[in-house]
Each structure stands twice: as structure tokens, then as C-alpha cells.
mmCIF file of all heavy atoms, coordinates in Angstrom:
data_MODEL
# 
_entry.id   MODEL 
# 
loop_
_atom_site.group_PDB 
_atom_site.id 
_atom_site.type_symbol 
_atom_site.label_atom_id 
_atom_site.label_alt_id 
_atom_site.label_comp_id 
_atom_site.label_asym_id 
_atom_site.label_entity_id 
_atom_site.label_seq_id 
_atom_site.pdbx_PDB_ins_code 
_atom_site.Cartn_x 
_atom_site.Cartn_y 
_atom_site.Cartn_z 
_atom_site.occupancy 
_atom_site.B_iso_or_equiv 
_atom_site.pdbx_formal_charge 
_atom_site.auth_seq_id 
_atom_site.auth_comp_id 
_atom_site.auth_asym_id 
_atom_site.auth_atom_id 
_atom_site.pdbx_PDB_model_num 
ATOM 1   N N   . GLY A 1 1  ? 7.400  -9.970  4.911   1.00 0.00 ? 1  GLY A N   1 
ATOM 2   C CA  . GLY A 1 1  ? 7.007  -10.111 6.308   1.00 0.00 ? 1  GLY A CA  1 
ATOM 3   C C   . GLY A 1 1  ? 7.814  -9.276  7.281   1.00 0.00 ? 1  GLY A C   1 
ATOM 4   O O   . GLY A 1 1  ? 8.006  -9.675  8.431   1.00 0.00 ? 1  GLY A O   1 
ATOM 5   N N   . GLU A 1 2  ? 8.238  -8.094  6.864   1.00 0.00 ? 2  GLU A N   1 
ATOM 6   C CA  . GLU A 1 2  ? 9.102  -7.277  7.716   1.00 0.00 ? 2  GLU A CA  1 
ATOM 7   C C   . GLU A 1 2  ? 8.342  -6.468  8.766   1.00 0.00 ? 2  GLU A C   1 
ATOM 8   O O   . GLU A 1 2  ? 8.897  -6.117  9.812   1.00 0.00 ? 2  GLU A O   1 
ATOM 9   C CB  . GLU A 1 2  ? 9.934  -6.328  6.849   1.00 0.00 ? 2  GLU A CB  1 
ATOM 10  C CG  . GLU A 1 2  ? 10.978 -5.527  7.605   1.00 0.00 ? 2  GLU A CG  1 
ATOM 11  C CD  . GLU A 1 2  ? 11.940 -4.776  6.701   1.00 0.00 ? 2  GLU A CD  1 
ATOM 12  O OE1 . GLU A 1 2  ? 12.031 -5.106  5.504   1.00 0.00 ? 2  GLU A OE1 1 
ATOM 13  O OE2 . GLU A 1 2  ? 12.610 -3.845  7.199   1.00 0.00 ? 2  GLU A OE2 1 
ATOM 14  N N   . PHE A 1 3  ? 7.054  -6.189  8.515   1.00 0.00 ? 3  PHE A N   1 
ATOM 15  C CA  . PHE A 1 3  ? 6.327  -5.261  9.377   1.00 0.00 ? 3  PHE A CA  1 
ATOM 16  C C   . PHE A 1 3  ? 5.108  -5.903  10.058  1.00 0.00 ? 3  PHE A C   1 
ATOM 17  O O   . PHE A 1 3  ? 4.389  -6.695  9.455   1.00 0.00 ? 3  PHE A O   1 
ATOM 18  C CB  . PHE A 1 3  ? 5.869  -4.049  8.564   1.00 0.00 ? 3  PHE A CB  1 
ATOM 19  C CG  . PHE A 1 3  ? 7.003  -3.250  7.995   1.00 0.00 ? 3  PHE A CG  1 
ATOM 20  C CD1 . PHE A 1 3  ? 7.463  -3.486  6.701   1.00 0.00 ? 3  PHE A CD1 1 
ATOM 21  C CD2 . PHE A 1 3  ? 7.636  -2.273  8.750   1.00 0.00 ? 3  PHE A CD2 1 
ATOM 22  C CE1 . PHE A 1 3  ? 8.511  -2.765  6.176   1.00 0.00 ? 3  PHE A CE1 1 
ATOM 23  C CE2 . PHE A 1 3  ? 8.693  -1.553  8.236   1.00 0.00 ? 3  PHE A CE2 1 
ATOM 24  C CZ  . PHE A 1 3  ? 9.136  -1.796  6.949   1.00 0.00 ? 3  PHE A CZ  1 
ATOM 25  N N   . ASP A 1 4  ? 4.899  -5.500  11.303  1.00 0.00 ? 4  ASP A N   1 
ATOM 26  C CA  . ASP A 1 4  ? 3.719  -5.943  12.044  1.00 0.00 ? 4  ASP A CA  1 
ATOM 27  C C   . ASP A 1 4  ? 2.463  -5.238  11.558  1.00 0.00 ? 4  ASP A C   1 
ATOM 28  O O   . ASP A 1 4  ? 1.359  -5.776  11.668  1.00 0.00 ? 4  ASP A O   1 
ATOM 29  C CB  . ASP A 1 4  ? 3.904  -5.667  13.538  1.00 0.00 ? 4  ASP A CB  1 
ATOM 30  C CG  . ASP A 1 4  ? 5.051  -6.458  14.127  1.00 0.00 ? 4  ASP A CG  1 
ATOM 31  O OD1 . ASP A 1 4  ? 4.855  -7.640  14.433  1.00 0.00 ? 4  ASP A OD1 1 
ATOM 32  O OD2 . ASP A 1 4  ? 6.159  -5.891  14.256  1.00 0.00 ? 4  ASP A OD2 1 
ATOM 33  N N   . ALA A 1 5  ? 2.641  -4.040  11.057  1.00 0.00 ? 5  ALA A N   1 
ATOM 34  C CA  . ALA A 1 5  ? 1.509  -3.277  10.527  1.00 0.00 ? 5  ALA A CA  1 
ATOM 35  C C   . ALA A 1 5  ? 1.992  -2.411  9.376   1.00 0.00 ? 5  ALA A C   1 
ATOM 36  O O   . ALA A 1 5  ? 3.087  -1.842  9.426   1.00 0.00 ? 5  ALA A O   1 
ATOM 37  C CB  . ALA A 1 5  ? 0.882  -2.409  11.608  1.00 0.00 ? 5  ALA A CB  1 
ATOM 38  N N   . VAL A 1 6  ? 1.171  -2.328  8.348   1.00 0.00 ? 6  VAL A N   1 
ATOM 39  C CA  . VAL A 1 6  ? 1.422  -1.430  7.222   1.00 0.00 ? 6  VAL A CA  1 
ATOM 40  C C   . VAL A 1 6  ? 0.213  -0.514  7.107   1.00 0.00 ? 6  VAL A C   1 
ATOM 41  O O   . VAL A 1 6  ? -0.932 -0.970  7.121   1.00 0.00 ? 6  VAL A O   1 
ATOM 42  C CB  . VAL A 1 6  ? 1.622  -2.207  5.904   1.00 0.00 ? 6  VAL A CB  1 
ATOM 43  C CG1 . VAL A 1 6  ? 1.818  -1.231  4.741   1.00 0.00 ? 6  VAL A CG1 1 
ATOM 44  C CG2 . VAL A 1 6  ? 2.811  -3.149  6.009   1.00 0.00 ? 6  VAL A CG2 1 
ATOM 45  N N   . THR A 1 7  ? 0.474  0.780   7.020   1.00 0.00 ? 7  THR A N   1 
ATOM 46  C CA  . THR A 1 7  ? -0.622 1.733   6.957   1.00 0.00 ? 7  THR A CA  1 
ATOM 47  C C   . THR A 1 7  ? -0.333 2.784   5.898   1.00 0.00 ? 7  THR A C   1 
ATOM 48  O O   . THR A 1 7  ? 0.825  3.084   5.597   1.00 0.00 ? 7  THR A O   1 
ATOM 49  C CB  . THR A 1 7  ? -0.855 2.387   8.338   1.00 0.00 ? 7  THR A CB  1 
ATOM 50  O OG1 . THR A 1 7  ? -1.960 3.303   8.257   1.00 0.00 ? 7  THR A OG1 1 
ATOM 51  C CG2 . THR A 1 7  ? 0.380  3.124   8.813   1.00 0.00 ? 7  THR A CG2 1 
ATOM 52  N N   . ILE A 1 8  ? -1.393 3.306   5.318   1.00 0.00 ? 8  ILE A N   1 
ATOM 53  C CA  . ILE A 1 8  ? -1.261 4.373   4.323   1.00 0.00 ? 8  ILE A CA  1 
ATOM 54  C C   . ILE A 1 8  ? -2.465 5.289   4.461   1.00 0.00 ? 8  ILE A C   1 
ATOM 55  O O   . ILE A 1 8  ? -3.611 4.831   4.482   1.00 0.00 ? 8  ILE A O   1 
ATOM 56  C CB  . ILE A 1 8  ? -1.135 3.802   2.893   1.00 0.00 ? 8  ILE A CB  1 
ATOM 57  C CG1 . ILE A 1 8  ? -0.965 4.927   1.864   1.00 0.00 ? 8  ILE A CG1 1 
ATOM 58  C CG2 . ILE A 1 8  ? -2.298 2.895   2.539   1.00 0.00 ? 8  ILE A CG2 1 
ATOM 59  C CD1 . ILE A 1 8  ? -0.564 4.418   0.477   1.00 0.00 ? 8  ILE A CD1 1 
ATOM 60  N N   . SER A 1 9  ? -2.212 6.578   4.590   1.00 0.00 ? 9  SER A N   1 
ATOM 61  C CA  . SER A 1 9  ? -3.287 7.555   4.763   1.00 0.00 ? 9  SER A CA  1 
ATOM 62  C C   . SER A 1 9  ? -3.269 8.563   3.620   1.00 0.00 ? 9  SER A C   1 
ATOM 63  O O   . SER A 1 9  ? -2.258 9.239   3.392   1.00 0.00 ? 9  SER A O   1 
ATOM 64  C CB  . SER A 1 9  ? -3.137 8.285   6.100   1.00 0.00 ? 9  SER A CB  1 
ATOM 65  O OG  . SER A 1 9  ? -3.332 7.411   7.187   1.00 0.00 ? 9  SER A OG  1 
ATOM 66  N N   . PHE A 1 10 ? -4.364 8.622   2.901   1.00 0.00 ? 10 PHE A N   1 
ATOM 67  C CA  . PHE A 1 10 ? -4.552 9.589   1.816   1.00 0.00 ? 10 PHE A CA  1 
ATOM 68  C C   . PHE A 1 10 ? -3.458 9.487   0.753   1.00 0.00 ? 10 PHE A C   1 
ATOM 69  O O   . PHE A 1 10 ? -3.050 10.498  0.181   1.00 0.00 ? 10 PHE A O   1 
ATOM 70  C CB  . PHE A 1 10 ? -4.630 11.008  2.379   1.00 0.00 ? 10 PHE A CB  1 
ATOM 71  C CG  . PHE A 1 10 ? -5.655 11.147  3.463   1.00 0.00 ? 10 PHE A CG  1 
ATOM 72  C CD1 . PHE A 1 10 ? -5.278 11.354  4.785   1.00 0.00 ? 10 PHE A CD1 1 
ATOM 73  C CD2 . PHE A 1 10 ? -7.006 11.020  3.186   1.00 0.00 ? 10 PHE A CD2 1 
ATOM 74  C CE1 . PHE A 1 10 ? -6.226 11.445  5.796   1.00 0.00 ? 10 PHE A CE1 1 
ATOM 75  C CE2 . PHE A 1 10 ? -7.966 11.111  4.197   1.00 0.00 ? 10 PHE A CE2 1 
ATOM 76  C CZ  . PHE A 1 10 ? -7.580 11.332  5.499   1.00 0.00 ? 10 PHE A CZ  1 
ATOM 77  N N   . GLY A 1 11 ? -2.987 8.266   0.517   1.00 0.00 ? 11 GLY A N   1 
ATOM 78  C CA  . GLY A 1 11 ? -1.938 8.082   -0.479  1.00 0.00 ? 11 GLY A CA  1 
ATOM 79  C C   . GLY A 1 11 ? -2.255 7.011   -1.502  1.00 0.00 ? 11 GLY A C   1 
ATOM 80  O O   . GLY A 1 11 ? -1.777 7.072   -2.637  1.00 0.00 ? 11 GLY A O   1 
ATOM 81  N N   . LEU A 1 12 ? -3.054 6.036   -1.131  1.00 0.00 ? 12 LEU A N   1 
ATOM 82  C CA  . LEU A 1 12 ? -3.361 4.948   -2.057  1.00 0.00 ? 12 LEU A CA  1 
ATOM 83  C C   . LEU A 1 12 ? -4.058 5.487   -3.306  1.00 0.00 ? 12 LEU A C   1 
ATOM 84  O O   . LEU A 1 12 ? -3.883 4.975   -4.410  1.00 0.00 ? 12 LEU A O   1 
ATOM 85  C CB  . LEU A 1 12 ? -4.243 3.901   -1.367  1.00 0.00 ? 12 LEU A CB  1 
ATOM 86  C CG  . LEU A 1 12 ? -4.464 2.597   -2.131  1.00 0.00 ? 12 LEU A CG  1 
ATOM 87  C CD1 . LEU A 1 12 ? -3.142 1.882   -2.387  1.00 0.00 ? 12 LEU A CD1 1 
ATOM 88  C CD2 . LEU A 1 12 ? -5.407 1.674   -1.368  1.00 0.00 ? 12 LEU A CD2 1 
ATOM 89  N N   . ARG A 1 13 ? -4.823 6.532   -3.118  1.00 0.00 ? 13 ARG A N   1 
ATOM 90  C CA  . ARG A 1 13 ? -5.549 7.176   -4.216  1.00 0.00 ? 13 ARG A CA  1 
ATOM 91  C C   . ARG A 1 13 ? -4.605 7.736   -5.292  1.00 0.00 ? 13 ARG A C   1 
ATOM 92  O O   . ARG A 1 13 ? -4.983 7.901   -6.460  1.00 0.00 ? 13 ARG A O   1 
ATOM 93  C CB  . ARG A 1 13 ? -6.397 8.312   -3.626  1.00 0.00 ? 13 ARG A CB  1 
ATOM 94  C CG  . ARG A 1 13 ? -7.432 8.930   -4.520  1.00 0.00 ? 13 ARG A CG  1 
ATOM 95  C CD  . ARG A 1 13 ? -8.108 10.104  -3.817  1.00 0.00 ? 13 ARG A CD  1 
ATOM 96  N NE  . ARG A 1 13 ? -7.211 11.249  -3.698  1.00 0.00 ? 13 ARG A NE  1 
ATOM 97  C CZ  . ARG A 1 13 ? -6.526 11.573  -2.604  1.00 0.00 ? 13 ARG A CZ  1 
ATOM 98  N NH1 . ARG A 1 13 ? -6.653 10.840  -1.510  1.00 0.00 ? 13 ARG A NH1 1 
ATOM 99  N NH2 . ARG A 1 13 ? -5.738 12.626  -2.574  1.00 0.00 ? 13 ARG A NH2 1 
ATOM 100 N N   . ASN A 1 14 ? -3.366 7.997   -4.907  1.00 0.00 ? 14 ASN A N   1 
ATOM 101 C CA  . ASN A 1 14 ? -2.401 8.600   -5.830  1.00 0.00 ? 14 ASN A CA  1 
ATOM 102 C C   . ASN A 1 14 ? -1.496 7.583   -6.520  1.00 0.00 ? 14 ASN A C   1 
ATOM 103 O O   . ASN A 1 14 ? -0.627 7.966   -7.301  1.00 0.00 ? 14 ASN A O   1 
ATOM 104 C CB  . ASN A 1 14 ? -1.520 9.608   -5.068  1.00 0.00 ? 14 ASN A CB  1 
ATOM 105 C CG  . ASN A 1 14 ? -2.334 10.710  -4.428  1.00 0.00 ? 14 ASN A CG  1 
ATOM 106 O OD1 . ASN A 1 14 ? -3.260 11.234  -5.029  1.00 0.00 ? 14 ASN A OD1 1 
ATOM 107 N ND2 . ASN A 1 14 ? -1.996 11.062  -3.190  1.00 0.00 ? 14 ASN A ND2 1 
ATOM 108 N N   . VAL A 1 15 ? -1.677 6.307   -6.201  1.00 0.00 ? 15 VAL A N   1 
ATOM 109 C CA  . VAL A 1 15 ? -0.810 5.264   -6.748  1.00 0.00 ? 15 VAL A CA  1 
ATOM 110 C C   . VAL A 1 15 ? -1.291 4.864   -8.142  1.00 0.00 ? 15 VAL A C   1 
ATOM 111 O O   . VAL A 1 15 ? -2.488 4.702   -8.377  1.00 0.00 ? 15 VAL A O   1 
ATOM 112 C CB  . VAL A 1 15 ? -0.809 4.033   -5.819  1.00 0.00 ? 15 VAL A CB  1 
ATOM 113 C CG1 . VAL A 1 15 ? 0.015  2.899   -6.424  1.00 0.00 ? 15 VAL A CG1 1 
ATOM 114 C CG2 . VAL A 1 15 ? -0.228 4.416   -4.458  1.00 0.00 ? 15 VAL A CG2 1 
ATOM 115 N N   . VAL A 1 16 ? -0.346 4.687   -9.047  1.00 0.00 ? 16 VAL A N   1 
ATOM 116 C CA  . VAL A 1 16 ? -0.689 4.378   -10.440 1.00 0.00 ? 16 VAL A CA  1 
ATOM 117 C C   . VAL A 1 16 ? -1.306 2.992   -10.592 1.00 0.00 ? 16 VAL A C   1 
ATOM 118 O O   . VAL A 1 16 ? -2.162 2.772   -11.447 1.00 0.00 ? 16 VAL A O   1 
ATOM 119 C CB  . VAL A 1 16 ? 0.556  4.529   -11.341 1.00 0.00 ? 16 VAL A CB  1 
ATOM 120 C CG1 . VAL A 1 16 ? 1.622  3.500   -10.997 1.00 0.00 ? 16 VAL A CG1 1 
ATOM 121 C CG2 . VAL A 1 16 ? 0.180  4.442   -12.819 1.00 0.00 ? 16 VAL A CG2 1 
ATOM 122 N N   . ASP A 1 17 ? -0.900 2.024   -9.755  1.00 0.00 ? 17 ASP A N   1 
ATOM 123 C CA  . ASP A 1 17 ? -1.409 0.657   -9.827  1.00 0.00 ? 17 ASP A CA  1 
ATOM 124 C C   . ASP A 1 17 ? -1.787 0.206   -8.416  1.00 0.00 ? 17 ASP A C   1 
ATOM 125 O O   . ASP A 1 17 ? -0.947 -0.296  -7.661  1.00 0.00 ? 17 ASP A O   1 
ATOM 126 C CB  . ASP A 1 17 ? -0.347 -0.276  -10.423 1.00 0.00 ? 17 ASP A CB  1 
ATOM 127 C CG  . ASP A 1 17 ? -0.876 -1.664  -10.749 1.00 0.00 ? 17 ASP A CG  1 
ATOM 128 O OD1 . ASP A 1 17 ? -1.858 -2.094  -10.103 1.00 0.00 ? 17 ASP A OD1 1 
ATOM 129 O OD2 . ASP A 1 17 ? -0.308 -2.337  -11.631 1.00 0.00 ? 17 ASP A OD2 1 
ATOM 130 N N   . VAL A 1 18 ? -3.054 0.391   -8.061  1.00 0.00 ? 18 VAL A N   1 
ATOM 131 C CA  . VAL A 1 18 ? -3.518 0.118   -6.707  1.00 0.00 ? 18 VAL A CA  1 
ATOM 132 C C   . VAL A 1 18 ? -3.393 -1.356  -6.349  1.00 0.00 ? 18 VAL A C   1 
ATOM 133 O O   . VAL A 1 18 ? -2.959 -1.716  -5.246  1.00 0.00 ? 18 VAL A O   1 
ATOM 134 C CB  . VAL A 1 18 ? -4.976 0.592   -6.521  1.00 0.00 ? 18 VAL A CB  1 
ATOM 135 C CG1 . VAL A 1 18 ? -5.539 0.137   -5.180  1.00 0.00 ? 18 VAL A CG1 1 
ATOM 136 C CG2 . VAL A 1 18 ? -5.055 2.107   -6.637  1.00 0.00 ? 18 VAL A CG2 1 
ATOM 137 N N   . ALA A 1 19 ? -3.746 -2.240  -7.280  1.00 0.00 ? 19 ALA A N   1 
ATOM 138 C CA  . ALA A 1 19 ? -3.671 -3.677  -7.014  1.00 0.00 ? 19 ALA A CA  1 
ATOM 139 C C   . ALA A 1 19 ? -2.234 -4.107  -6.724  1.00 0.00 ? 19 ALA A C   1 
ATOM 140 O O   . ALA A 1 19 ? -1.982 -4.901  -5.807  1.00 0.00 ? 19 ALA A O   1 
ATOM 141 C CB  . ALA A 1 19 ? -4.229 -4.464  -8.203  1.00 0.00 ? 19 ALA A CB  1 
ATOM 142 N N   . LYS A 1 20 ? -1.306 -3.581  -7.480  1.00 0.00 ? 20 LYS A N   1 
ATOM 143 C CA  . LYS A 1 20 ? 0.099  -3.925  -7.274  1.00 0.00 ? 20 LYS A CA  1 
ATOM 144 C C   . LYS A 1 20 ? 0.596  -3.400  -5.935  1.00 0.00 ? 20 LYS A C   1 
ATOM 145 O O   . LYS A 1 20 ? 1.354  -4.064  -5.230  1.00 0.00 ? 20 LYS A O   1 
ATOM 146 C CB  . LYS A 1 20 ? 0.948  -3.367  -8.412  1.00 0.00 ? 20 LYS A CB  1 
ATOM 147 C CG  . LYS A 1 20 ? 2.382  -3.884  -8.446  1.00 0.00 ? 20 LYS A CG  1 
ATOM 148 C CD  . LYS A 1 20 ? 3.099  -3.418  -9.698  1.00 0.00 ? 20 LYS A CD  1 
ATOM 149 C CE  . LYS A 1 20 ? 4.523  -3.979  -9.745  1.00 0.00 ? 20 LYS A CE  1 
ATOM 150 N NZ  . LYS A 1 20 ? 5.236  -3.529  -10.977 1.00 0.00 ? 20 LYS A NZ  1 
ATOM 151 N N   . ALA A 1 21 ? 0.170  -2.194  -5.578  1.00 0.00 ? 21 ALA A N   1 
ATOM 152 C CA  . ALA A 1 21 ? 0.569  -1.609  -4.295  1.00 0.00 ? 21 ALA A CA  1 
ATOM 153 C C   . ALA A 1 21 ? 0.029  -2.430  -3.129  1.00 0.00 ? 21 ALA A C   1 
ATOM 154 O O   . ALA A 1 21 ? 0.744  -2.702  -2.157  1.00 0.00 ? 21 ALA A O   1 
ATOM 155 C CB  . ALA A 1 21 ? 0.085  -0.171  -4.191  1.00 0.00 ? 21 ALA A CB  1 
ATOM 156 N N   . LEU A 1 22 ? -1.234 -2.845  -3.211  1.00 0.00 ? 22 LEU A N   1 
ATOM 157 C CA  . LEU A 1 22 ? -1.819 -3.655  -2.145  1.00 0.00 ? 22 LEU A CA  1 
ATOM 158 C C   . LEU A 1 22 ? -1.116 -5.009  -2.038  1.00 0.00 ? 22 LEU A C   1 
ATOM 159 O O   . LEU A 1 22 ? -0.908 -5.519  -0.932  1.00 0.00 ? 22 LEU A O   1 
ATOM 160 C CB  . LEU A 1 22 ? -3.309 -3.851  -2.397  1.00 0.00 ? 22 LEU A CB  1 
ATOM 161 C CG  . LEU A 1 22 ? -4.196 -2.615  -2.183  1.00 0.00 ? 22 LEU A CG  1 
ATOM 162 C CD1 . LEU A 1 22 ? -5.607 -2.885  -2.677  1.00 0.00 ? 22 LEU A CD1 1 
ATOM 163 C CD2 . LEU A 1 22 ? -4.213 -2.202  -0.714  1.00 0.00 ? 22 LEU A CD2 1 
ATOM 164 N N   . ALA A 1 23 ? -0.733 -5.575  -3.176  1.00 0.00 ? 23 ALA A N   1 
ATOM 165 C CA  . ALA A 1 23 ? 0.003  -6.846  -3.156  1.00 0.00 ? 23 ALA A CA  1 
ATOM 166 C C   . ALA A 1 23 ? 1.359  -6.678  -2.482  1.00 0.00 ? 23 ALA A C   1 
ATOM 167 O O   . ALA A 1 23 ? 1.803  -7.553  -1.726  1.00 0.00 ? 23 ALA A O   1 
ATOM 168 C CB  . ALA A 1 23 ? 0.181  -7.361  -4.577  1.00 0.00 ? 23 ALA A CB  1 
ATOM 169 N N   . GLU A 1 24 ? 2.007  -5.550  -2.728  1.00 0.00 ? 24 GLU A N   1 
ATOM 170 C CA  . GLU A 1 24 ? 3.292  -5.277  -2.096  1.00 0.00 ? 24 GLU A CA  1 
ATOM 171 C C   . GLU A 1 24 ? 3.132  -5.071  -0.589  1.00 0.00 ? 24 GLU A C   1 
ATOM 172 O O   . GLU A 1 24 ? 3.955  -5.524  0.208   1.00 0.00 ? 24 GLU A O   1 
ATOM 173 C CB  . GLU A 1 24 ? 3.934  -4.037  -2.728  1.00 0.00 ? 24 GLU A CB  1 
ATOM 174 C CG  . GLU A 1 24 ? 4.724  -4.312  -3.981  1.00 0.00 ? 24 GLU A CG  1 
ATOM 175 C CD  . GLU A 1 24 ? 5.993  -5.096  -3.672  1.00 0.00 ? 24 GLU A CD  1 
ATOM 176 O OE1 . GLU A 1 24 ? 7.025  -4.490  -3.368  1.00 0.00 ? 24 GLU A OE1 1 
ATOM 177 O OE2 . GLU A 1 24 ? 5.934  -6.341  -3.709  1.00 0.00 ? 24 GLU A OE2 1 
ATOM 178 N N   . MET A 1 25 ? 2.093  -4.382  -0.193  1.00 0.00 ? 25 MET A N   1 
ATOM 179 C CA  . MET A 1 25 ? 1.840  -4.186  1.232   1.00 0.00 ? 25 MET A CA  1 
ATOM 180 C C   . MET A 1 25 ? 1.594  -5.530  1.908   1.00 0.00 ? 25 MET A C   1 
ATOM 181 O O   . MET A 1 25 ? 2.082  -5.772  3.023   1.00 0.00 ? 25 MET A O   1 
ATOM 182 C CB  . MET A 1 25 ? 0.641  -3.253  1.426   1.00 0.00 ? 25 MET A CB  1 
ATOM 183 C CG  . MET A 1 25 ? 0.883  -1.829  0.963   1.00 0.00 ? 25 MET A CG  1 
ATOM 184 S SD  . MET A 1 25 ? -0.592 -0.787  1.176   1.00 0.00 ? 25 MET A SD  1 
ATOM 185 C CE  . MET A 1 25 ? -0.321 0.413   -0.128  1.00 0.00 ? 25 MET A CE  1 
# 
């Protein structure tokens, strides 16, 4: 809960585990 907003542009496509990345966000 550190951030009011989390954003990612043209990078999620390059992540090896999208579900894990979204859970972390």
C-alpha cells in the first residue's frame, strides 16, 4: 500500500509472469 497509483506503459508485455506482476502491483 505504498503508492496512490501504479502505472506501467509498454512494459507488462515484457514481463515473464504477468499474473505475478499484477499481483505485486
